[in-house]
C-alpha atoms as a PDB file:
ATOM      1  CA  MET A   1     -22.788 -27.927 -56.368  1.00  0.00           C
ATOM      2  CA  PHE A   2     -22.225 -26.238 -53.029  1.00  0.00           C
ATOM      3  CA  SER A   3     -18.576 -25.461 -52.257  1.00  0.00           C
ATOM      4  CA  ILE A   4     -16.706 -23.549 -49.576  1.00  0.00           C
ATOM      5  CA  ASP A   5     -14.049 -21.047 -50.589  1.00  0.00           C
ATOM      6  CA  LEU A   6     -11.505 -21.421 -47.782  1.00  0.00           C
ATOM      7  CA  ASN A   7      -9.348 -18.602 -49.138  1.00  0.00           C
ATOM      8  CA  LYS A   8     -12.290 -16.227 -49.034  1.00  0.00           C
ATOM      9  CA  ILE A   9     -13.136 -17.275 -45.463  1.00  0.00           C
ATOM     10  CA  THR A  10      -9.516 -16.786 -44.405  1.00  0.00           C
ATOM     11  CA  GLU A  11      -9.408 -13.335 -46.002  1.00  0.00           C
ATOM     12  CA  THR A  12     -12.623 -12.412 -44.195  1.00  0.00           C
ATOM     13  CA  LEU A  13     -11.329 -13.546 -40.809  1.00  0.00           C
ATOM     14  CA  LEU A  14      -7.959 -11.798 -41.144  1.00  0.00           C
ATOM     15  CA  TYR A  15      -7.418  -8.089 -40.516  1.00  0.00           C
ATOM     16  CA  ASN A  16      -8.025  -5.880 -43.536  1.00  0.00           C
ATOM     17  CA  PRO A  17      -6.888  -2.239 -43.117  1.00  0.00           C
ATOM     18  CA  GLU A  18      -9.373  -1.217 -45.821  1.00  0.00           C
ATOM     19  CA  GLU A  19     -12.302  -2.764 -43.913  1.00  0.00           C
ATOM     20  CA  PRO A  20     -11.689  -2.551 -40.148  1.00  0.00           C
ATOM     21  CA  LEU A  21     -14.276  -4.143 -37.884  1.00  0.00           C
ATOM     22  CA  LEU A  22     -16.842  -1.601 -36.712  1.00  0.00           C
ATOM     23  CA  PHE A  23     -20.208  -1.911 -34.988  1.00  0.00           C
ATOM     24  CA  ASN A  24     -21.990  -0.897 -38.185  1.00  0.00           C
ATOM     25  CA  SER A  25     -20.091  -3.303 -40.468  1.00  0.00           C
ATOM     26  CA  GLY A  26     -21.657  -6.421 -41.937  1.00  0.00           C
ATOM     27  CA  PHE A  27     -19.000  -8.694 -40.427  1.00  0.00           C
ATOM     28  CA  PHE A  28     -19.871  -7.481 -36.926  1.00  0.00           C
ATOM     29  CA  ILE A  29     -23.359  -9.024 -37.195  1.00  0.00           C
ATOM     30  CA  TRP A  30     -21.865 -12.499 -37.739  1.00  0.00           C
ATOM     31  CA  PHE A  31     -19.221 -11.847 -35.100  1.00  0.00           C
ATOM     32  CA  PHE A  32     -21.824 -10.813 -32.541  1.00  0.00           C
ATOM     33  CA  VAL A  33     -24.219 -13.689 -33.312  1.00  0.00           C
ATOM     34  CA  PHE A  34     -21.410 -16.220 -32.931  1.00  0.00           C
ATOM     35  CA  PHE A  35     -20.250 -14.508 -29.745  1.00  0.00           C
ATOM     36  CA  ILE A  36     -23.732 -14.534 -28.181  1.00  0.00           C
ATOM     37  CA  ILE A  37     -24.171 -18.252 -28.954  1.00  0.00           C
ATOM     38  CA  ILE A  38     -20.845 -19.175 -27.322  1.00  0.00           C
ATOM     39  CA  TYR A  39     -21.229 -16.717 -24.449  1.00  0.00           C
ATOM     40  CA  SER A  40     -24.745 -17.919 -23.600  1.00  0.00           C
ATOM     41  CA  SER A  41     -23.518 -21.500 -23.332  1.00  0.00           C
ATOM     42  CA  VAL A  42     -20.852 -20.598 -20.739  1.00  0.00           C
ATOM     43  CA  ALA A  43     -22.401 -17.527 -19.121  1.00  0.00           C
ATOM     44  CA  HIS A  44     -23.152 -19.286 -15.830  1.00  0.00           C
ATOM     45  CA  ASN A  45     -19.537 -20.392 -15.438  1.00  0.00           C
ATOM     46  CA  ARG A  46     -17.361 -17.510 -14.220  1.00  0.00           C
ATOM     47  CA  ASN A  47     -14.095 -18.677 -15.766  1.00  0.00           C
ATOM     48  CA  GLY A  48     -15.750 -19.730 -19.020  1.00  0.00           C
ATOM     49  CA  ARG A  49     -17.503 -16.384 -19.270  1.00  0.00           C
ATOM     50  CA  ILE A  50     -14.276 -14.451 -18.729  1.00  0.00           C
ATOM     51  CA  LEU A  51     -12.205 -16.569 -21.106  1.00  0.00           C
ATOM     52  CA  THR A  52     -14.825 -16.320 -23.868  1.00  0.00           C
ATOM     53  CA  PHE A  53     -15.127 -12.576 -23.551  1.00  0.00           C
ATOM     54  CA  VAL A  54     -11.359 -12.031 -23.506  1.00  0.00           C
ATOM     55  CA  ILE A  55     -10.817 -14.156 -26.633  1.00  0.00           C
ATOM     56  CA  PHE A  56     -13.598 -12.427 -28.573  1.00  0.00           C
ATOM     57  CA  SER A  57     -12.495  -8.991 -27.350  1.00  0.00           C
ATOM     58  CA  LEU A  58      -8.899  -9.505 -28.444  1.00  0.00           C
ATOM     59  CA  TYR A  59     -10.046 -10.839 -31.802  1.00  0.00           C
ATOM     60  CA  PHE A  60     -12.394  -7.852 -32.162  1.00  0.00           C
ATOM     61  CA  PHE A  61      -9.468  -5.526 -31.559  1.00  0.00           C
ATOM     62  CA  TYR A  62      -7.290  -7.475 -33.997  1.00  0.00           C
ATOM     63  CA  LYS A  63      -9.955  -7.156 -36.712  1.00  0.00           C
ATOM     64  CA  ALA A  64     -10.224  -3.439 -35.961  1.00  0.00           C
ATOM     65  CA  CYS A  65      -6.527  -2.507 -36.071  1.00  0.00           C
ATOM     66  CA  GLY A  66      -4.368  -5.568 -36.712  1.00  0.00           C
ATOM     67  CA  TRP A  67      -1.388  -6.489 -34.571  1.00  0.00           C
ATOM     68  CA  TYR A  68      -1.771  -3.353 -32.469  1.00  0.00           C
ATOM     69  CA  VAL A  69      -3.814  -5.698 -30.304  1.00  0.00           C
ATOM     70  CA  GLY A  70      -0.426  -6.353 -28.693  1.00  0.00           C
ATOM     71  CA  LEU A  71      -0.608  -2.877 -27.127  1.00  0.00           C
ATOM     72  CA  VAL A  72      -3.690  -3.908 -25.158  1.00  0.00           C
ATOM     73  CA  LEU A  73      -1.897  -6.990 -23.848  1.00  0.00           C
ATOM     74  CA  PHE A  74       1.277  -5.024 -23.086  1.00  0.00           C
ATOM     75  CA  SER A  75      -0.529  -2.251 -21.196  1.00  0.00           C
ATOM     76  CA  ALA A  76      -2.635  -4.813 -19.321  1.00  0.00           C
ATOM     77  CA  VAL A  77       0.467  -6.721 -18.145  1.00  0.00           C
ATOM     78  CA  VAL A  78       2.295  -3.536 -17.112  1.00  0.00           C
ATOM     79  CA  ASP A  79      -0.574  -1.962 -15.180  1.00  0.00           C
ATOM     80  CA  PHE A  80      -1.645  -5.250 -13.585  1.00  0.00           C
ATOM     81  CA  ILE A  81       1.877  -5.681 -12.165  1.00  0.00           C
ATOM     82  CA  LEU A  82       2.262  -2.010 -11.183  1.00  0.00           C
ATOM     83  CA  SER A  83      -1.156  -1.764  -9.518  1.00  0.00           C
ATOM     84  CA  ASN A  84      -0.561  -4.858  -7.392  1.00  0.00           C
ATOM     85  CA  THR A  85       2.925  -3.647  -6.481  1.00  0.00           C
ATOM     86  CA  ILE A  86       1.541  -0.225  -5.511  1.00  0.00           C
ATOM     87  CA  TYR A  87      -1.080  -1.883  -3.313  1.00  0.00           C
ATOM     88  CA  LYS A  88       1.516  -3.996  -1.480  1.00  0.00           C
ATOM     89  CA  THR A  89       4.080  -1.214  -1.096  1.00  0.00           C
ATOM     90  CA  LYS A  90       4.075   0.571   2.264  1.00  0.00           C
ATOM     91  CA  ASN A  91       6.768   3.154   1.470  1.00  0.00           C
ATOM     92  CA  PRO A  92       4.890   6.286   0.252  1.00  0.00           C
ATOM     93  CA  VAL A  93       7.847   7.531  -1.819  1.00  0.00           C
ATOM     94  CA  ARG A  94       8.189   4.215  -3.674  1.00  0.00           C
ATOM     95  CA  LYS A  95       4.434   4.060  -4.025  1.00  0.00           C
ATOM     96  CA  LYS A  96       4.327   7.476  -5.716  1.00  0.00           C
ATOM     97  CA  ALA A  97       7.291   6.550  -7.922  1.00  0.00           C
ATOM     98  CA  LEU A  98       5.421   3.477  -9.175  1.00  0.00           C
ATOM     99  CA  LEU A  99       2.355   5.608  -9.897  1.00  0.00           C
ATOM    100  CA  ILE A 100       4.479   8.095 -11.851  1.00  0.00           C
ATOM    101  CA  LEU A 101       5.986   5.186 -13.781  1.00  0.00           C
ATOM    102  CA  SER A 102       2.480   4.004 -14.722  1.00  0.00           C
ATOM    103  CA  VAL A 103       1.466   7.510 -15.824  1.00  0.00           C
ATOM    104  CA  VAL A 104       4.646   7.991 -17.883  1.00  0.00           C
ATOM    105  CA  LEU A 105       4.350   4.596 -19.605  1.00  0.00           C
ATOM    106  CA  ASN A 106       0.670   4.964 -20.441  1.00  0.00           C
ATOM    107  CA  LEU A 107       0.755   8.587 -21.559  1.00  0.00           C
ATOM    108  CA  GLY A 108       4.069   8.008 -23.318  1.00  0.00           C
ATOM    109  CA  LEU A 109       2.502   5.233 -25.380  1.00  0.00           C
ATOM    110  CA  LEU A 110      -0.507   7.420 -26.192  1.00  0.00           C
ATOM    111  CA  PHE A 111       1.561  10.473 -27.140  1.00  0.00           C
ATOM    112  CA  TYR A 112       3.964   8.411 -29.231  1.00  0.00           C
ATOM    113  CA  PHE A 113       1.231   7.140 -31.526  1.00  0.00           C
ATOM    114  CA  LYS A 114      -0.965  10.235 -31.432  1.00  0.00           C
ATOM    115  CA  TYR A 115       1.437  13.176 -31.520  1.00  0.00           C
ATOM    116  CA  THR A 116       4.879  12.059 -32.780  1.00  0.00           C
ATOM    117  CA  ASN A 117       4.212  13.013 -36.389  1.00  0.00           C
ATOM    118  CA  PHE A 118       2.551  16.236 -35.257  1.00  0.00           C
ATOM    119  CA  PHE A 119       5.706  17.340 -33.419  1.00  0.00           C
ATOM    120  CA  ILE A 120       7.901  16.231 -36.335  1.00  0.00           C
ATOM    121  CA  GLN A 121       5.819  18.478 -38.575  1.00  0.00           C
ATOM    122  CA  LEU A 122       6.205  21.395 -36.137  1.00  0.00           C
ATOM    123  CA  VAL A 123       9.989  20.913 -35.995  1.00  0.00           C
ATOM    124  CA  ASN A 124      10.177  20.832 -39.785  1.00  0.00           C
ATOM    125  CA  GLU A 125       8.110  24.016 -40.107  1.00  0.00           C
ATOM    126  CA  PHE A 126      10.024  26.042 -37.493  1.00  0.00           C
ATOM    127  CA  SER A 127      13.528  24.852 -38.320  1.00  0.00           C
ATOM    128  CA  SER A 128      13.200  24.247 -42.075  1.00  0.00           C
ATOM    129  CA  GLY A 129      14.206  20.680 -41.339  1.00  0.00           C
ATOM    130  CA  ASN A 130      13.470  17.605 -43.363  1.00  0.00           C
ATOM    131  CA  ILE A 131      12.678  14.977 -40.755  1.00  0.00           C
ATOM    132  CA  ARG A 132      10.563  12.253 -42.310  1.00  0.00           C
ATOM    133  CA  PRO A 133       7.328  11.425 -40.456  1.00  0.00           C
ATOM    134  CA  LEU A 134       7.139   7.955 -38.971  1.00  0.00           C
ATOM    135  CA  ASN A 135       4.877   5.361 -40.541  1.00  0.00           C
ATOM    136  CA  LEU A 136       2.503   5.287 -37.579  1.00  0.00           C
ATOM    137  CA  ILE A 137      -1.132   4.266 -37.519  1.00  0.00           C
ATOM    138  CA  LEU A 138      -3.191   5.430 -34.555  1.00  0.00           C
ATOM    139  CA  PRO A 139      -4.465   2.242 -32.883  1.00  0.00           C
ATOM    140  CA  ILE A 140      -8.233   2.254 -32.491  1.00  0.00           C
ATOM    141  CA  GLY A 141      -9.337   2.751 -28.898  1.00  0.00           C
ATOM    142  CA  ILE A 142      -5.890   3.608 -27.498  1.00  0.00           C
ATOM    143  CA  SER A 143      -7.195   6.717 -25.711  1.00  0.00           C
ATOM    144  CA  PHE A 144      -9.942   4.748 -23.979  1.00  0.00           C
ATOM    145  CA  TYR A 145      -7.900   1.851 -22.643  1.00  0.00           C
ATOM    146  CA  THR A 146      -5.007   4.200 -21.729  1.00  0.00           C
ATOM    147  CA  PHE A 147      -7.226   6.310 -19.489  1.00  0.00           C
ATOM    148  CA  GLU A 148      -8.895   3.229 -18.035  1.00  0.00           C
ATOM    149  CA  ASN A 149      -5.433   1.934 -17.130  1.00  0.00           C
ATOM    150  CA  LEU A 150      -4.594   5.246 -15.498  1.00  0.00           C
ATOM    151  CA  SER A 151      -7.874   5.515 -13.590  1.00  0.00           C
ATOM    152  CA  TYR A 152      -7.384   1.969 -12.287  1.00  0.00           C
ATOM    153  CA  THR A 153      -3.821   2.587 -11.075  1.00  0.00           C
ATOM    154  CA  VAL A 154      -4.731   5.960  -9.523  1.00  0.00           C
ATOM    155  CA  ASP A 155      -7.716   4.444  -7.676  1.00  0.00           C
ATOM    156  CA  VAL A 156      -5.482   1.676  -6.303  1.00  0.00           C
ATOM    157  CA  TYR A 157      -2.882   4.268  -5.257  1.00  0.00           C
ATOM    158  CA  ARG A 158      -5.547   6.265  -3.419  1.00  0.00           C
ATOM    159  CA  GLY A 159      -6.792   3.132  -1.682  1.00  0.00           C
ATOM    160  CA  HIS A 160     -10.267   3.206  -3.220  1.00  0.00           C
ATOM    161  CA  PHE A 161     -10.252  -0.552  -3.803  1.00  0.00           C
ATOM    162  CA  LYS A 162      -8.070  -3.633  -3.749  1.00  0.00           C
ATOM    163  CA  PRO A 163      -6.649  -4.580  -7.175  1.00  0.00           C
ATOM    164  CA  VAL A 164      -7.618  -7.901  -8.708  1.00  0.00           C
ATOM    165  CA  THR A 165      -5.110 -10.714  -8.249  1.00  0.00           C
ATOM    166  CA  ARG A 166      -6.056 -12.643 -11.383  1.00  0.00           C
ATOM    167  CA  PHE A 167      -4.626 -11.255 -14.599  1.00  0.00           C
ATOM    168  CA  MET A 168      -7.550 -12.525 -16.696  1.00  0.00           C
ATOM    169  CA  ASP A 169      -9.948 -10.460 -14.597  1.00  0.00           C
ATOM    170  CA  TYR A 170      -7.977  -7.310 -15.349  1.00  0.00           C
ATOM    171  CA  LEU A 171      -7.616  -8.170 -19.034  1.00  0.00           C
ATOM    172  CA  TYR A 172     -11.381  -8.735 -19.142  1.00  0.00           C
ATOM    173  CA  PHE A 173     -11.981  -5.269 -17.710  1.00  0.00           C
ATOM    174  CA  LEU A 174      -9.519  -3.579 -20.067  1.00  0.00           C
ATOM    175  CA  SER A 175     -10.373  -5.400 -23.307  1.00  0.00           C
ATOM    176  CA  PHE A 176     -14.189  -5.560 -22.872  1.00  0.00           C
ATOM    177  CA  PHE A 177     -14.967  -5.166 -26.585  1.00  0.00           C
ATOM    178  CA  PRO A 178     -18.280  -3.252 -26.443  1.00  0.00           C
ATOM    179  CA  LYS A 179     -16.466  -0.245 -24.955  1.00  0.00           C
ATOM    180  CA  LEU A 180     -13.029  -0.787 -26.499  1.00  0.00           C
ATOM    181  CA  MET A 181     -13.280   1.564 -29.481  1.00  0.00           C
ATOM    182  CA  MET A 182     -15.233   4.620 -28.370  1.00  0.00           C
ATOM    183  CA  GLY A 183     -16.036   4.043 -24.734  1.00  0.00           C
ATOM    184  CA  PRO A 184     -17.713   4.799 -22.519  1.00  0.00           C
ATOM    185  CA  ILE A 185     -14.760   4.908 -20.131  1.00  0.00           C
ATOM    186  CA  VAL A 186     -15.620   2.655 -17.180  1.00  0.00           C
ATOM    187  CA  ARG A 187     -14.092   2.824 -13.717  1.00  0.00           C
ATOM    188  CA  ALA A 188     -12.804  -0.479 -12.414  1.00  0.00           C
ATOM    189  CA  ALA A 189     -14.649   0.000  -9.113  1.00  0.00           C
ATOM    190  CA  ASP A 190     -17.949  -0.044 -11.041  1.00  0.00           C
ATOM    191  CA  PHE A 191     -17.071  -2.867 -13.441  1.00  0.00           C
ATOM    192  CA  LEU A 192     -14.951  -5.483 -11.648  1.00  0.00           C
ATOM    193  CA  PRO A 193     -17.419  -6.322  -8.821  1.00  0.00           C
ATOM    194  CA  GLN A 194     -19.902  -7.407 -11.518  1.00  0.00           C
ATOM    195  CA  LEU A 195     -17.605 -10.278 -12.514  1.00  0.00           C
ATOM    196  CA  ASP A 196     -18.692 -12.219  -9.433  1.00  0.00           C
ATOM    197  CA  LYS A 197     -22.411 -11.624  -9.910  1.00  0.00           C
ATOM    198  CA  PRO A 198     -24.446 -14.564 -11.276  1.00  0.00           C
ATOM    199  CA  TYR A 199     -25.336 -14.112 -14.923  1.00  0.00           C
ATOM    200  CA  PHE A 200     -28.910 -12.898 -15.258  1.00  0.00           C
ATOM    201  CA  VAL A 201     -30.620 -10.709 -17.846  1.00  0.00           C
ATOM    202  CA  SER A 202     -34.197  -9.694 -17.095  1.00  0.00           C
ATOM    203  CA  LYS A 203     -36.790  -8.971 -19.781  1.00  0.00           C
ATOM    204  CA  LYS A 204     -36.501  -5.281 -18.935  1.00  0.00           C
ATOM    205  CA  GLU A 205     -32.710  -5.323 -19.335  1.00  0.00           C
ATOM    206  CA  PHE A 206     -32.977  -7.232 -22.618  1.00  0.00           C
ATOM    207  CA  ALA A 207     -35.516  -4.738 -23.953  1.00  0.00           C
ATOM    208  CA  SER A 208     -33.404  -1.812 -22.760  1.00  0.00           C
ATOM    209  CA  GLY A 209     -30.330  -3.317 -24.433  1.00  0.00           C
ATOM    210  CA  PHE A 210     -32.225  -3.812 -27.697  1.00  0.00           C
ATOM    211  CA  TYR A 211     -33.448  -0.204 -27.630  1.00  0.00           C
ATOM    212  CA  LEU A 212     -29.924   1.134 -26.979  1.00  0.00           C
ATOM    213  CA  ILE A 213     -28.372  -0.988 -29.739  1.00  0.00           C
ATOM    214  CA  PHE A 214     -31.065   0.014 -32.239  1.00  0.00           C
ATOM    215  CA  SER A 215     -30.967   3.722 -31.309  1.00  0.00           C
ATOM    216  CA  GLY A 216     -27.161   3.693 -31.438  1.00  0.00           C
ATOM    217  CA  LEU A 217     -27.177   2.228 -34.941  1.00  0.00           C
ATOM    218  CA  PHE A 218     -29.787   4.799 -35.954  1.00  0.00           C
ATOM    219  CA  LYS A 219     -27.609   7.666 -34.690  1.00  0.00           C
ATOM    220  CA  LYS A 220     -24.526   6.290 -36.411  1.00  0.00           C
ATOM    221  CA  ILE A 221     -25.902   5.068 -39.763  1.00  0.00           C
ATOM    222  CA  VAL A 222     -29.028   7.137 -40.382  1.00  0.00           C
ATOM    223  CA  ILE A 223     -28.039  10.473 -38.828  1.00  0.00           C
ATOM    224  CA  SER A 224     -24.225  10.697 -38.626  1.00  0.00           C
ATOM    225  CA  ASP A 225     -23.250   8.942 -41.856  1.00  0.00           C
ATOM    226  CA  PHE A 226     -26.077  10.572 -43.845  1.00  0.00           C
ATOM    227  CA  ILE A 227     -25.256  14.119 -42.711  1.00  0.00           C
ATOM    228  CA  TYR A 228     -21.537  13.601 -43.239  1.00  0.00           C
ATOM    229  CA  THR A 229     -21.923  12.192 -46.751  1.00  0.00           C
ATOM    230  CA  ASN A 230     -24.619  14.550 -48.011  1.00  0.00           C
ATOM    231  CA  LEU A 231     -23.690  17.814 -46.294  1.00  0.00           C
ATOM    232  CA  VAL A 232     -20.421  17.981 -44.356  1.00  0.00           C
ATOM    233  CA  SER A 233     -18.134  16.197 -46.809  1.00  0.00           C
ATOM    234  CA  TYR A 234     -19.830  17.871 -49.774  1.00  0.00           C
ATOM    235  CA  VAL A 235     -19.285  21.402 -48.393  1.00  0.00           C
ATOM    236  CA  PHE A 236     -15.890  20.850 -46.750  1.00  0.00           C
ATOM    237  CA  ASP A 237     -14.373  19.480 -49.973  1.00  0.00           C
ATOM    238  CA  ASP A 238     -14.560  22.979 -51.478  1.00  0.00           C
ATOM    239  CA  PRO A 239     -16.089  25.630 -49.176  1.00  0.00           C
ATOM    240  CA  SER A 240     -15.447  28.400 -51.747  1.00  0.00           C
ATOM    241  CA  ARG A 241     -18.201  26.986 -53.955  1.00  0.00           C
ATOM    242  CA  HIS A 242     -20.846  27.462 -51.257  1.00  0.00           C
ATOM    243  CA  VAL A 243     -22.537  30.468 -49.674  1.00  0.00           C
ATOM    244  CA  GLY A 244     -22.012  31.399 -46.037  1.00  0.00           C
ATOM    245  CA  LEU A 245     -25.240  29.800 -44.835  1.00  0.00           C
ATOM    246  CA  GLU A 246     -24.293  26.447 -46.385  1.00  0.00           C
ATOM    247  CA  CYS A 247     -20.848  26.560 -44.752  1.00  0.00           C
ATOM    248  CA  LEU A 248     -22.418  27.431 -41.413  1.00  0.00           C
ATOM    249  CA  LEU A 249     -24.882  24.545 -41.676  1.00  0.00           C
ATOM    250  CA  ALA A 250     -21.984  22.224 -42.552  1.00  0.00           C
ATOM    251  CA  VAL A 251     -20.103  23.317 -39.405  1.00  0.00           C
ATOM    252  CA  TYR A 252     -23.140  22.636 -37.225  1.00  0.00           C
ATOM    253  CA  GLY A 253     -23.709  19.422 -39.145  1.00  0.00           C
ATOM    254  CA  TYR A 254     -20.150  18.297 -38.370  1.00  0.00           C
ATOM    255  CA  ALA A 255     -20.765  18.905 -34.651  1.00  0.00           C
ATOM    256  CA  LEU A 256     -23.864  16.712 -34.923  1.00  0.00           C
ATOM    257  CA  VAL A 257     -21.846  14.041 -36.779  1.00  0.00           C
ATOM    258  CA  ILE A 258     -19.264  13.914 -33.975  1.00  0.00           C
ATOM    259  CA  TYR A 259     -21.942  13.746 -31.290  1.00  0.00           C
ATOM    260  CA  CYS A 260     -23.948  11.017 -33.037  1.00  0.00           C
ATOM    261  CA  ASP A 261     -20.781   9.001 -33.703  1.00  0.00           C
ATOM    262  CA  PHE A 262     -19.732   8.926 -30.056  1.00  0.00           C
ATOM    263  CA  SER A 263     -23.226   8.787 -28.596  1.00  0.00           C
ATOM    264  CA  GLY A 264     -24.280   6.072 -31.043  1.00  0.00           C
ATOM    265  CA  TYR A 265     -21.267   3.861 -30.353  1.00  0.00           C
ATOM    266  CA  SER A 266     -21.711   4.380 -26.598  1.00  0.00           C
ATOM    267  CA  ASP A 267     -25.376   3.383 -26.788  1.00  0.00           C
ATOM    268  CA  ILE A 268     -24.463   0.220 -28.714  1.00  0.00           C
ATOM    269  CA  ALA A 269     -21.749  -0.612 -26.182  1.00  0.00           C
ATOM    270  CA  ILE A 270     -24.088  -0.144 -23.218  1.00  0.00           C
ATOM    271  CA  GLY A 271     -26.805  -2.194 -24.924  1.00  0.00           C
ATOM    272  CA  ILE A 272     -24.458  -5.108 -25.705  1.00  0.00           C
ATOM    273  CA  ALA A 273     -23.149  -4.998 -22.132  1.00  0.00           C
ATOM    274  CA  LYS A 274     -26.717  -5.256 -20.802  1.00  0.00           C
ATOM    275  CA  TRP A 275     -27.294  -8.378 -22.891  1.00  0.00           C
ATOM    276  CA  CYS A 276     -24.125  -9.817 -21.353  1.00  0.00           C
ATOM    277  CA  GLY A 277     -25.247  -9.072 -17.800  1.00  0.00           C
ATOM    278  CA  PHE A 278     -23.204  -5.903 -17.205  1.00  0.00           C
ATOM    279  CA  ASP A 279     -24.174  -2.343 -16.411  1.00  0.00           C
ATOM    280  CA  ILE A 280     -21.783   0.304 -17.687  1.00  0.00           C
ATOM    281  CA  PRO A 281     -22.431   4.038 -17.231  1.00  0.00           C
ATOM    282  CA  PRO A 282     -23.507   6.363 -20.035  1.00  0.00           C
ATOM    283  CA  ASN A 283     -21.090   8.837 -21.597  1.00  0.00           C
ATOM    284  CA  PHE A 284     -23.650  11.506 -22.472  1.00  0.00           C
ATOM    285  CA  TYR A 285     -25.946  13.506 -20.231  1.00  0.00           C
ATOM    286  CA  ARG A 286     -28.954  15.713 -20.638  1.00  0.00           C
ATOM    287  CA  LEU A 287     -30.379  18.545 -18.567  1.00  0.00           C
ATOM    288  CA  THR A 288     -33.371  17.403 -16.559  1.00  0.00           C
ATOM    289  CA  LYS A 289     -35.734  19.424 -14.418  1.00  0.00           C
ATOM    290  CA  VAL A 290     -35.776  17.988 -10.914  1.00  0.00           C
ATOM    291  CA  ASN A 291     -39.077  17.732  -9.069  1.00  0.00           C
ATOM    292  CA  PRO A 292     -38.462  19.521  -5.743  1.00  0.00           C
ATOM    293  CA  LEU A 293     -41.036  17.256  -4.067  1.00  0.00           C
ATOM    294  CA  GLN A 294     -38.892  14.200  -4.850  1.00  0.00           C
ATOM    295  CA  ASN A 295     -35.488  15.643  -3.964  1.00  0.00           C
ATOM    296  CA  SER A 296     -34.193  17.435  -0.924  1.00  0.00           C
ATOM    297  CA  GLY A 297     -33.014  21.010  -1.322  1.00  0.00           C
ATOM    298  CA  ALA A 298     -34.066  23.596  -3.820  1.00  0.00           C
ATOM    299  CA  GLY A 299     -35.357  22.587  -7.210  1.00  0.00           C
ATOM    300  CA  GLY A 300     -33.321  23.402 -10.308  1.00  0.00           C
ATOM    301  CA  ILE A 301     -31.539  22.070 -13.336  1.00  0.00           C
ATOM    302  CA  TYR A 302     -29.342  19.027 -12.729  1.00  0.00           C
ATOM    303  CA  LEU A 303     -27.388  16.609 -14.890  1.00  0.00           C
ATOM    304  CA  PHE A 304     -28.776  13.110 -15.099  1.00  0.00           C
ATOM    305  CA  PRO A 305     -27.676  10.135 -17.202  1.00  0.00           C
ATOM    306  CA  ALA A 306     -29.343  10.010 -20.563  1.00  0.00           C
ATOM    307  CA  GLY A 307     -31.028   6.758 -21.356  1.00  0.00           C
END
């Protein structure tokens, strides 16, 4: 007889520090399928689209790092208020003071979680002290949404664009789950105007999104995870047991692991965004030979978005 284990479902839906939500996890497939079904049904309604994305994004972050999702909400509220106040303020001294306040709050939050225990360790080593490290867990994605907050406030301060007046619009920009964990970092001036565009995904965009998602998973699962498990971790666990060439290959392998991790996640994020009707810029570039017949000026080597 078919039965539903409600306890098991509840455990699956709640945050588990041993199994955080990642793009390459099994739970993400069900999460994404459910999201696409709901999102597609409201995609042509601006408010419905924003509300759906915000709810799923905050839940995604909760499943990835628990109640640290509150940091996203806190930083969104603070920078939404500060950016609008900066825009309305005419006094340049007060304007700069508000910008400094935004920088201090955002970087202070980042440094607290990322470097507090590091400095405690340094103090203990240099002063023979016995300060106990704090029980801190680095929230996933804190670097990315911190710098997006800062770029937004700085752009408003410089007068590059008018800040949004609806908090949900800003929360949508900040918590957009495809880019929340490993980027790419998106400037508000590129992202926010797309909120008012009608939802439309062409066959070309859908195919491009599918290719990016598939290639990103390939980089992450097939290349990065395989090299890390079978070479990097194996050698780094005890380098003394291996010859110099093996250690050297492990070092280069680790560089490839880092690249494929970030590049893979970025590709997945860009691909998902395309399926949702958004264009976000790539994080990684390649050297491309420019045809001098198609570009003014001398030919040469230039950086172009990889894709």
